[in-house]
Amino acid sequence: MAKVILRKVVKNYDDTPAVRGIDLEIADEEFVVLVGPSGCGKSTTLRMIAGLEDITAGDILIGEEVVNDVPPKDRDIAMVFQNYALYPHMTVYENMSFGLRLKKAPKAEIARRVENAARILDISELLERKPKQLSGGQRQRVAMGRAIVRDPKVFLFDEPLSNLDAKLRVQMRTEIKKVHQKVRTTTVYVTHDQVEAMTLADRVVVMNGGLIEQVGTPNDLYHFPATRFVAGFIGSPAMNFIPCKLEAAAGGLRVKLSEAIAFPVPANRVERYKAHLGAGKLLFGIRPEHLIEQRPHAEPDQHPFEVPLEVTEPMGMETLVHFLVEGTEVCGRVNPNAGALAGKPMKLVADLANMHLIDEASGRVL
């Protein structure tokens, strides 16, 4: 087991920067997920940790050792790819034991490790089959088993579930989480799927344009995003961003979204926002679940407004409602029995305890 440290790590492809000087410390036994859109540098970062990409500048440490010039086979890491990379002519047992056989490990030790990994992954009955006789989920388990038997310092996962169908992805997410709870190995996992990141990670690293936007627990990133990018990337449906003005009002502040809609700023936010009175362009950020139908008893900091609905999307346990505020499309989440009808006005409330104020120029959450 080992911690992984990245210090000012840079990767350039000719004159094109892919990773722009990132710092990151991953604790021993921690499960960290790198997430972001295509081209953000997450896979490049993983490949640099693995030694599959040379770094342009900076240092990578595994344990206490700088591994910049250490070849991949000597870094004591195990990598699981999205394409499984199984040998088609070998049985599951032979695939899982291949690395140990190369190292000339004793046969009894190989058998013990393979059987233990197979038991953890619930594939003991598959050990004599060939990969072509397995489903996609079973092949992914075998690839994970091959990594587990090596007992490495660090597991690296490169979008391992992207080739699976939606139902199997959900199932395999659970399996990977169970495996990490049993085999507490430091794990770095790359995905473009923010739901995967949120459900698996101890901490999530959100990357954008070769930089780290924010590092935090899934709960912190969801409720306390540092930037507009993080606020918009984490969560589905995405957070709403509505142009607004911050104004003084009755001893406090209010955010004005339109001539018809203005909300008082919660008392505990007034001091924080005062400095931004008369500032440049601001955005009012609020998640769909904090725009709900009006109920008989409003909670503190819940404020009503009425809008005509453009579109409704019944989802079973909830209905998504879409409406416009000064030309900006906004999404709310209401009870399926709340009577939401496209083309009709609806009374909603905004839960301002969960609002965000964002500086549009810098993208910073104030």
Protein backbone atom coordinates (compact mmCIF):
# COMPACT_ATOMS: atom_id res chain seq x y z
CA MET A 1 0.00 0.00 0.00
CA ALA A 2 1.21 3.53 -0.68
CA LYS A 3 0.20 7.12 -1.11
CA VAL A 4 0.58 8.81 -4.50
CA ILE A 5 1.85 12.39 -4.79
CA LEU A 6 1.93 14.62 -7.87
CA ARG A 7 4.05 17.78 -7.62
CA LYS A 8 3.75 20.45 -10.30
CA VAL A 9 3.24 17.77 -12.96
CA VAL A 10 3.25 19.03 -16.55
CA LYS A 11 2.69 17.15 -19.79
CA ASN A 12 3.10 18.78 -23.19
CA TYR A 13 2.62 17.12 -26.57
CA ASP A 14 5.03 19.20 -28.70
CA ASP A 15 3.68 22.72 -28.05
CA THR A 16 0.26 21.56 -26.86
CA PRO A 17 -0.19 21.45 -23.07
CA ALA A 18 -2.26 18.48 -21.85
CA VAL A 19 -1.60 18.81 -18.11
CA ARG A 20 -0.60 22.22 -16.76
CA GLY A 21 1.29 21.85 -13.49
CA ILE A 22 -1.04 19.97 -11.16
CA ASP A 23 -0.52 19.15 -7.48
CA LEU A 24 -2.36 16.24 -5.88
CA GLU A 25 -1.87 14.00 -2.86
CA ILE A 26 -3.73 10.67 -2.67
CA ALA A 27 -3.65 9.04 0.77
CA ASP A 28 -2.82 5.40 1.42
CA GLU A 29 -5.92 3.21 0.84
CA GLU A 30 -7.91 6.17 -0.59
CA PHE A 31 -10.18 5.80 -3.63
CA VAL A 32 -9.77 8.94 -5.76
CA VAL A 33 -11.63 9.53 -9.02
CA LEU A 34 -10.38 11.89 -11.74
CA VAL A 35 -13.36 13.24 -13.67
CA GLY A 36 -13.90 15.79 -16.40
CA PRO A 37 -14.84 16.23 -20.05
CA SER A 38 -12.86 14.78 -22.96
CA GLY A 39 -9.48 16.46 -23.32
CA CYS A 40 -9.27 17.67 -19.72
CA GLY A 41 -6.07 15.68 -18.99
CA LYS A 42 -7.46 13.00 -16.67
CA SER A 43 -6.34 9.94 -18.71
CA THR A 44 -2.96 11.56 -19.42
CA THR A 45 -2.50 12.06 -15.66
CA LEU A 46 -3.33 8.41 -15.00
CA ARG A 47 -0.95 7.24 -17.71
CA MET A 48 1.83 9.36 -16.22
CA ILE A 49 1.27 7.73 -12.81
CA ALA A 50 1.46 4.34 -14.56
CA GLY A 51 4.64 5.29 -16.42
CA LEU A 52 2.98 4.87 -19.82
CA GLU A 53 3.57 8.58 -20.57
CA ASP A 54 6.75 10.52 -19.84
CA ILE A 55 6.24 13.67 -17.80
CA THR A 56 7.46 17.01 -19.17
CA ALA A 57 8.11 18.53 -15.72
CA GLY A 58 7.40 17.89 -12.06
CA ASP A 59 7.58 14.78 -9.88
CA ILE A 60 5.41 11.71 -9.26
CA LEU A 61 5.92 9.78 -6.03
CA ILE A 62 4.53 6.34 -5.21
CA GLY A 63 5.13 5.63 -1.55
CA GLU A 64 8.17 7.75 -0.71
CA GLU A 65 9.91 7.10 -4.04
CA VAL A 66 10.09 9.48 -7.00
CA VAL A 67 9.17 7.26 -9.97
CA ASN A 68 9.68 9.69 -12.88
CA ASP A 69 12.32 7.42 -14.44
CA VAL A 70 11.08 4.08 -13.09
CA PRO A 71 9.68 1.79 -15.84
CA PRO A 72 5.99 0.77 -15.52
CA LYS A 73 6.79 -2.85 -14.59
CA ASP A 74 8.85 -1.70 -11.59
CA ARG A 75 6.30 0.78 -10.16
CA ASP A 76 4.26 -1.94 -8.39
CA ILE A 77 0.99 -0.75 -9.88
CA ALA A 78 -1.82 -2.70 -11.57
CA MET A 79 -3.94 -1.15 -14.31
CA VAL A 80 -7.45 -2.07 -15.48
CA PHE A 81 -8.37 -0.80 -18.95
CA GLN A 82 -11.75 -0.29 -20.62
CA ASN A 83 -11.03 -3.02 -23.21
CA TYR A 84 -10.19 -5.71 -20.57
CA ALA A 85 -6.97 -6.77 -22.46
CA LEU A 86 -7.48 -10.49 -21.74
CA TYR A 87 -5.57 -13.18 -23.63
CA PRO A 88 -8.24 -15.01 -25.70
CA HIS A 89 -6.37 -18.35 -25.80
CA MET A 90 -5.96 -18.52 -22.00
CA THR A 91 -8.50 -19.60 -19.38
CA VAL A 92 -9.66 -17.17 -16.70
CA TYR A 93 -7.25 -18.84 -14.24
CA GLU A 94 -4.35 -18.45 -16.69
CA ASN A 95 -5.24 -14.81 -17.41
CA MET A 96 -5.43 -13.97 -13.72
CA SER A 97 -2.21 -15.78 -12.85
CA PHE A 98 -0.18 -14.59 -15.85
CA GLY A 99 1.69 -11.78 -14.05
CA LEU A 100 2.56 -14.02 -11.12
CA ARG A 101 3.80 -16.78 -13.44
CA LEU A 102 6.08 -14.29 -15.19
CA LYS A 103 7.55 -13.43 -11.79
CA LYS A 104 8.13 -17.16 -11.13
CA ALA A 105 5.91 -17.12 -8.04
CA PRO A 106 5.41 -20.56 -6.36
CA LYS A 107 2.44 -22.51 -7.76
CA ALA A 108 0.79 -22.82 -4.35
CA GLU A 109 1.04 -19.06 -3.83
CA ILE A 110 -0.42 -18.41 -7.30
CA ALA A 111 -3.34 -20.78 -6.63
CA ARG A 112 -4.04 -19.16 -3.25
CA ARG A 113 -4.06 -15.63 -4.66
CA VAL A 114 -6.17 -16.49 -7.73
CA GLU A 115 -8.75 -18.40 -5.66
CA ASN A 116 -8.92 -15.56 -3.13
CA ALA A 117 -9.45 -12.94 -5.87
CA ALA A 118 -12.01 -15.15 -7.62
CA ARG A 119 -13.93 -15.50 -4.36
CA ILE A 120 -13.92 -11.71 -3.77
CA LEU A 121 -15.22 -11.12 -7.32
CA ASP A 122 -17.65 -14.06 -7.33
CA ILE A 123 -16.08 -15.70 -10.40
CA SER A 124 -14.80 -18.95 -8.85
CA GLU A 125 -16.97 -21.06 -11.17
CA LEU A 126 -15.51 -19.30 -14.26
CA LEU A 127 -11.82 -20.15 -13.74
CA GLU A 128 -11.70 -22.81 -16.49
CA ARG A 129 -13.57 -20.78 -19.12
CA LYS A 130 -12.03 -18.78 -21.97
CA PRO A 131 -12.83 -15.03 -22.37
CA LYS A 132 -15.11 -15.66 -25.38
CA GLN A 133 -17.40 -17.68 -23.09
CA LEU A 134 -17.87 -14.72 -20.72
CA SER A 135 -20.21 -11.72 -20.68
CA GLY A 136 -18.83 -8.16 -20.65
CA GLY A 137 -19.34 -7.87 -16.91
CA GLN A 138 -17.59 -11.19 -16.27
CA ARG A 139 -14.63 -10.15 -18.43
CA GLN A 140 -14.34 -6.93 -16.46
CA ARG A 141 -14.30 -8.93 -13.21
CA VAL A 142 -11.49 -11.12 -14.61
CA ALA A 143 -9.50 -7.98 -15.53
CA MET A 144 -9.98 -6.73 -11.97
CA GLY A 145 -9.00 -10.15 -10.62
CA ARG A 146 -5.78 -10.09 -12.61
CA ALA A 147 -4.96 -6.76 -10.92
CA ILE A 148 -5.93 -7.96 -7.42
CA VAL A 149 -3.76 -11.10 -7.49
CA ARG A 150 -0.65 -9.01 -7.99
CA ASP A 151 -1.29 -7.27 -4.65
CA PRO A 152 0.11 -3.97 -5.99
CA LYS A 153 0.72 -0.73 -4.12
CA VAL A 154 -1.76 1.13 -6.37
CA PHE A 155 -4.71 0.20 -8.60
CA LEU A 156 -5.24 2.37 -11.70
CA PHE A 157 -8.60 2.19 -13.54
CA ASP A 158 -8.92 3.83 -16.98
CA GLU A 159 -12.66 4.20 -17.74
CA PRO A 160 -13.22 0.49 -17.02
CA LEU A 161 -17.02 0.58 -17.38
CA SER A 162 -17.42 2.63 -20.55
CA ASN A 163 -17.92 -0.46 -22.77
CA LEU A 164 -20.77 -1.85 -20.65
CA ASP A 165 -24.49 -1.18 -21.03
CA ALA A 166 -26.20 1.15 -18.55
CA LYS A 167 -27.65 -1.55 -16.28
CA LEU A 168 -24.36 -3.45 -16.09
CA ARG A 169 -22.44 -0.22 -15.39
CA VAL A 170 -24.58 0.37 -12.30
CA GLN A 171 -24.02 -3.23 -11.17
CA MET A 172 -20.24 -3.06 -11.75
CA ARG A 173 -19.98 0.26 -9.88
CA THR A 174 -21.34 -1.53 -6.84
CA GLU A 175 -18.94 -4.44 -7.37
CA ILE A 176 -15.91 -2.13 -7.62
CA LYS A 177 -16.95 -0.35 -4.41
CA LYS A 178 -17.35 -3.70 -2.62
CA VAL A 179 -13.93 -4.85 -3.83
CA HIS A 180 -12.28 -1.67 -2.53
CA GLN A 181 -13.92 -2.15 0.85
CA LYS A 182 -12.41 -5.65 1.01
CA VAL A 183 -9.05 -4.92 -0.64
CA ARG A 184 -8.03 -1.54 0.76
CA THR A 185 -5.52 -0.66 -1.94
CA THR A 186 -4.85 2.95 -2.98
CA THR A 187 -6.95 3.45 -6.13
CA VAL A 188 -6.93 6.10 -8.86
CA TYR A 189 -9.92 5.84 -11.19
CA VAL A 190 -10.60 7.86 -14.36
CA THR A 191 -14.07 8.46 -15.80
CA HIS A 192 -16.00 11.10 -17.74
CA ASP A 193 -19.20 10.03 -15.94
CA GLN A 194 -19.88 12.29 -12.95
CA VAL A 195 -22.42 9.83 -11.48
CA GLU A 196 -19.71 7.13 -11.49
CA ALA A 197 -17.32 9.57 -9.82
CA MET A 198 -19.79 10.59 -7.12
CA THR A 199 -20.85 7.05 -6.22
CA LEU A 200 -17.38 5.49 -6.10
CA ALA A 201 -14.99 8.08 -4.72
CA ASP A 202 -13.70 8.97 -1.28
CA ARG A 203 -12.60 12.17 -3.01
CA VAL A 204 -13.26 13.48 -6.51
CA VAL A 205 -10.75 15.48 -8.57
CA VAL A 206 -12.56 17.62 -11.16
CA MET A 207 -10.27 18.49 -14.09
CA ASN A 208 -10.77 21.01 -16.88
CA GLY A 209 -8.34 22.12 -19.56
CA GLY A 210 -5.36 20.35 -17.99
CA LEU A 211 -5.92 21.92 -14.57
CA ILE A 212 -7.56 20.77 -11.36
CA GLU A 213 -10.69 22.84 -10.75
CA GLN A 214 -11.52 21.39 -7.32
CA VAL A 215 -10.76 18.41 -5.09
CA GLY A 216 -13.23 17.27 -2.44
CA THR A 217 -15.66 14.67 -1.19
CA PRO A 218 -18.66 14.04 -3.44
CA ASN A 219 -20.85 15.88 -0.92
CA ASP A 220 -18.55 18.93 -0.84
CA LEU A 221 -18.38 19.20 -4.61
CA TYR A 222 -22.14 18.91 -4.94
CA HIS A 223 -23.12 21.39 -2.22
CA PHE A 224 -20.08 23.69 -2.12
CA PRO A 225 -18.66 23.98 -5.66
CA ALA A 226 -15.77 26.43 -5.98
CA THR A 227 -16.36 27.35 -9.63
CA ARG A 228 -19.14 27.54 -12.18
CA PHE A 229 -17.53 24.66 -14.08
CA VAL A 230 -17.71 22.33 -11.06
CA ALA A 231 -21.24 23.48 -10.21
CA GLY A 232 -22.39 22.75 -13.76
CA PHE A 233 -20.45 19.51 -14.25
CA ILE A 234 -21.49 17.77 -11.02
CA GLY A 235 -25.19 16.96 -10.78
CA SER A 236 -27.84 15.74 -13.20
CA PRO A 237 -29.86 17.63 -14.37
CA ALA A 238 -27.22 20.34 -14.17
CA MET A 239 -27.39 23.39 -11.94
CA ASN A 240 -29.36 26.34 -13.36
CA PHE A 241 -27.40 29.55 -14.04
CA ILE A 242 -29.56 32.68 -14.39
CA PRO A 243 -28.16 36.20 -15.01
CA CYS A 244 -29.04 38.41 -12.03
CA LYS A 245 -28.41 41.74 -10.31
CA LEU A 246 -27.44 42.05 -6.65
CA GLU A 247 -29.29 44.97 -5.03
CA ALA A 248 -29.62 46.53 -1.57
CA ALA A 249 -33.11 46.03 -0.15
CA ALA A 250 -34.73 46.69 3.26
CA GLY A 251 -31.55 46.47 5.31
CA GLY A 252 -30.36 43.41 3.41
CA LEU A 253 -29.76 42.27 -0.16
CA ARG A 254 -31.82 40.75 -2.93
CA VAL A 255 -31.07 39.04 -6.23
CA LYS A 256 -33.18 40.31 -9.09
CA LEU A 257 -33.70 37.81 -11.92
CA SER A 258 -36.37 39.73 -13.85
CA GLU A 259 -38.94 42.48 -13.33
CA ALA A 260 -41.29 39.85 -11.88
CA ILE A 261 -38.82 37.67 -9.92
CA ALA A 262 -36.51 38.86 -7.13
CA PHE A 263 -35.43 36.92 -4.05
CA PRO A 264 -34.10 38.14 -0.69
CA VAL A 265 -30.59 36.92 0.09
CA PRO A 266 -30.58 34.73 3.25
CA ALA A 267 -29.40 36.68 6.30
CA ASN A 268 -26.35 34.46 6.77
CA ARG A 269 -25.11 35.30 3.24
CA VAL A 270 -25.54 39.12 3.39
CA GLU A 271 -22.07 39.94 4.79
CA ARG A 272 -20.45 37.57 2.34
CA TYR A 273 -22.16 39.12 -0.69
CA LYS A 274 -22.08 42.81 0.33
CA ALA A 275 -18.70 43.41 -1.27
CA HIS A 276 -20.15 42.43 -4.65
CA LEU A 277 -22.89 45.09 -4.78
CA GLY A 278 -22.59 46.88 -8.10
CA ALA A 279 -20.11 44.26 -9.34
CA GLY A 280 -19.96 43.08 -12.95
CA LYS A 281 -22.12 40.33 -14.38
CA LEU A 282 -23.38 37.86 -11.78
CA LEU A 283 -25.16 34.51 -12.10
CA PHE A 284 -27.73 33.08 -9.71
CA GLY A 285 -27.04 29.34 -9.42
CA ILE A 286 -29.58 26.87 -8.06
CA ARG A 287 -30.08 23.14 -8.55
CA PRO A 288 -33.37 21.79 -9.96
CA GLU A 289 -34.26 20.04 -6.67
CA HIS A 290 -34.24 23.44 -4.95
CA LEU A 291 -36.97 24.72 -7.28
CA ILE A 292 -40.08 22.84 -6.14
CA GLU A 293 -43.86 23.16 -6.07
CA GLN A 294 -45.38 25.54 -3.52
CA ARG A 295 -46.52 23.69 -0.39
CA PRO A 296 -48.87 24.71 2.45
CA HIS A 297 -46.01 25.36 4.88
CA ALA A 298 -42.85 27.00 3.52
CA GLU A 299 -39.48 26.38 5.16
CA PRO A 300 -37.26 29.34 6.14
CA ASP A 301 -35.51 30.87 3.10
CA GLN A 302 -38.04 29.32 0.70
CA HIS A 303 -39.59 32.05 -1.45
CA PRO A 304 -42.50 31.69 -3.90
CA PHE A 305 -42.76 32.78 -7.53
CA GLU A 306 -45.05 31.93 -10.43
CA VAL A 307 -44.06 31.10 -14.01
CA PRO A 308 -45.68 29.58 -17.11
CA LEU A 309 -44.23 26.14 -17.81
CA GLU A 310 -42.71 25.44 -21.23
CA VAL A 311 -42.17 21.66 -20.96
CA THR A 312 -42.85 18.96 -18.36
CA GLU A 313 -41.00 15.63 -18.14
CA PRO A 314 -42.71 12.99 -15.96
CA MET A 315 -40.00 10.72 -14.50
CA GLY A 316 -42.15 8.54 -12.24
CA MET A 317 -40.89 9.53 -8.80
CA GLU A 318 -40.67 13.20 -9.86
CA THR A 319 -41.54 15.55 -12.72
CA LEU A 320 -38.99 17.89 -14.27
CA VAL A 321 -40.48 21.26 -15.19
CA HIS A 322 -38.83 23.67 -17.63
CA PHE A 323 -39.56 27.40 -17.83
CA LEU A 324 -37.89 30.62 -19.01
CA VAL A 325 -36.54 33.51 -16.98
CA GLU A 326 -35.62 36.41 -19.26
CA GLY A 327 -34.86 33.94 -22.06
CA THR A 328 -32.77 31.59 -19.90
CA GLU A 329 -34.13 28.03 -19.67
CA VAL A 330 -34.53 26.86 -16.07
CA CYS A 331 -35.30 23.38 -14.72
CA GLY A 332 -37.14 22.50 -11.50
CA ARG A 333 -38.15 19.21 -9.84
CA VAL A 334 -41.70 18.83 -8.54
CA ASN A 335 -43.88 16.10 -7.09
CA PRO A 336 -45.54 14.03 -9.86
CA ASN A 337 -48.93 14.86 -8.31
CA ALA A 338 -48.30 18.63 -8.17
CA GLY A 339 -50.36 19.24 -11.32
CA ALA A 340 -47.57 20.53 -13.57
CA LEU A 341 -48.89 21.13 -17.11
CA ALA A 342 -46.99 22.50 -20.10
CA GLY A 343 -48.38 25.90 -21.17
CA LYS A 344 -49.96 26.57 -17.76
CA PRO A 345 -48.67 28.80 -14.95
CA MET A 346 -47.36 27.07 -11.81
CA LYS A 347 -46.49 28.36 -8.36
CA LEU A 348 -43.00 27.27 -7.34
CA VAL A 349 -40.65 28.07 -4.48
CA ALA A 350 -36.89 28.63 -4.55
CA ASP A 351 -34.90 27.24 -1.62
CA LEU A 352 -32.44 30.09 -1.18
CA ALA A 353 -30.50 28.30 1.56
CA ASN A 354 -29.00 26.38 -1.40
CA MET A 355 -28.44 29.28 -3.81
CA HIS A 356 -25.04 30.21 -5.24
CA LEU A 357 -23.83 33.57 -6.53
CA ILE A 358 -21.23 33.32 -9.27
CA ASP A 359 -18.96 35.93 -10.84
CA GLU A 360 -19.55 35.34 -14.55
CA ALA A 361 -16.18 36.77 -15.66
CA SER A 362 -13.96 34.62 -13.41
CA GLY A 363 -16.37 31.68 -12.99
CA ARG A 364 -15.73 31.81 -9.23
CA VAL A 365 -18.49 30.98 -6.75
CA LEU A 366 -18.69 33.94 -4.34
